[in-house]
């Protein structure tokens, strides 16, 4: 069984990094469904999502199900979650 995909987000995380991770998670989710059936879920976790300038892209992926306005065909068994840490000065 594959483990959940985690992207440790930080100030240097780029749009390209996020897009690549989403595409990889989508492939893994489809593989997991093929291998284990429709009851297997794959989780993509964006840790510290609010620390990157690409937070808008994460919002677009999670809420709008798109990248740059182009709809994503996300596997229904791919679940995307994010953690936002409290602001610190």
Protein backbone atom coordinates (compact mmCIF):
# COMPACT_ATOMS: atom_id res chain seq x y z
CA UNK A 1 0.00 0.00 0.00
CA UNK A 2 1.30 3.47 -0.86
CA UNK A 3 1.71 6.07 1.83
CA UNK A 4 0.04 9.48 1.68
CA UNK A 5 1.92 12.10 -0.28
CA UNK A 6 3.07 15.06 1.83
CA UNK A 7 4.44 18.28 0.43
CA UNK A 8 6.30 20.24 3.10
CA UNK A 9 5.49 23.77 1.94
CA UNK A 10 7.80 26.70 2.67
CA UNK A 11 8.64 30.14 1.30
CA UNK A 12 10.63 28.60 -1.55
CA UNK A 13 7.87 26.26 -2.72
CA UNK A 14 6.95 27.17 -6.28
CA UNK A 15 3.82 26.79 -8.37
CA UNK A 16 5.73 24.19 -10.38
CA UNK A 17 6.46 22.15 -7.22
CA UNK A 18 2.79 22.15 -6.26
CA UNK A 19 1.56 21.22 -9.74
CA UNK A 20 4.08 18.36 -9.96
CA UNK A 21 2.99 17.03 -6.57
CA UNK A 22 -0.71 17.16 -7.51
CA UNK A 23 -0.03 15.31 -10.77
CA UNK A 24 2.01 12.66 -8.93
CA UNK A 25 -0.71 12.22 -6.29
CA UNK A 26 -3.32 11.82 -9.05
CA UNK A 27 -1.29 9.02 -10.64
CA UNK A 28 -0.87 7.32 -7.25
CA UNK A 29 -4.60 7.65 -6.50
CA UNK A 30 -5.51 5.98 -9.78
CA UNK A 31 -2.97 3.18 -9.14
CA UNK A 32 -4.36 2.64 -5.64
CA UNK A 33 -7.90 2.32 -7.01
CA UNK A 34 -6.73 -0.18 -9.63
CA UNK A 35 -4.81 -2.25 -7.07
CA UNK A 36 -7.13 -2.02 -4.06
CA UNK A 37 -10.57 -1.05 -5.36
CA UNK A 38 -12.84 1.97 -4.91
CA UNK A 39 -12.54 1.87 -1.11
CA UNK A 40 -8.86 2.90 -1.17
CA UNK A 41 -8.24 6.62 -0.75
CA UNK A 42 -5.03 8.53 -1.40
CA UNK A 43 -4.32 11.66 0.63
CA UNK A 44 -2.27 14.64 -0.53
CA UNK A 45 -1.32 16.79 2.45
CA UNK A 46 0.00 20.32 2.03
CA UNK A 47 1.78 21.00 5.32
CA UNK A 48 2.27 24.66 6.31
CA UNK A 49 0.34 25.76 3.21
CA UNK A 50 0.17 29.39 4.31
CA UNK A 51 3.96 29.80 4.23
CA UNK A 52 4.23 29.97 0.45
CA UNK A 53 3.46 32.69 -2.05
CA UNK A 54 1.65 29.95 -4.00
CA UNK A 55 -1.19 29.74 -1.45
CA UNK A 56 -3.57 31.00 -4.16
CA UNK A 57 -2.75 27.97 -6.29
CA UNK A 58 -3.39 25.63 -3.36
CA UNK A 59 -6.76 27.33 -2.85
CA UNK A 60 -7.55 27.00 -6.56
CA UNK A 61 -6.70 23.29 -6.54
CA UNK A 62 -8.65 22.54 -3.37
CA UNK A 63 -11.69 24.78 -3.84
CA UNK A 64 -12.02 25.36 -7.57
CA UNK A 65 -10.59 22.00 -8.72
CA UNK A 66 -8.50 23.75 -11.37
CA UNK A 67 -4.98 24.95 -12.19
CA UNK A 68 -4.65 28.27 -14.02
CA UNK A 69 -8.37 28.11 -14.76
CA UNK A 70 -8.13 24.70 -16.43
CA UNK A 71 -10.39 22.13 -14.73
CA UNK A 72 -8.68 19.19 -13.05
CA UNK A 73 -10.04 15.71 -13.54
CA UNK A 74 -9.13 14.59 -10.06
CA UNK A 75 -9.70 11.00 -9.09
CA UNK A 76 -12.60 10.94 -6.65
CA UNK A 77 -10.42 8.83 -4.37
CA UNK A 78 -7.77 11.56 -4.10
CA UNK A 79 -8.39 13.67 -1.01
CA UNK A 80 -6.45 16.91 -0.64
CA UNK A 81 -5.99 18.55 2.75
CA UNK A 82 -3.84 21.40 4.00
CA UNK A 83 -2.58 22.72 7.32
CA UNK A 84 -2.12 26.42 7.93
CA UNK A 85 0.02 27.44 10.86
CA UNK A 86 -0.73 30.49 13.01
CA UNK A 87 0.97 33.69 11.95
CA UNK A 88 4.12 34.50 13.92
CA UNK A 89 6.11 37.69 13.90
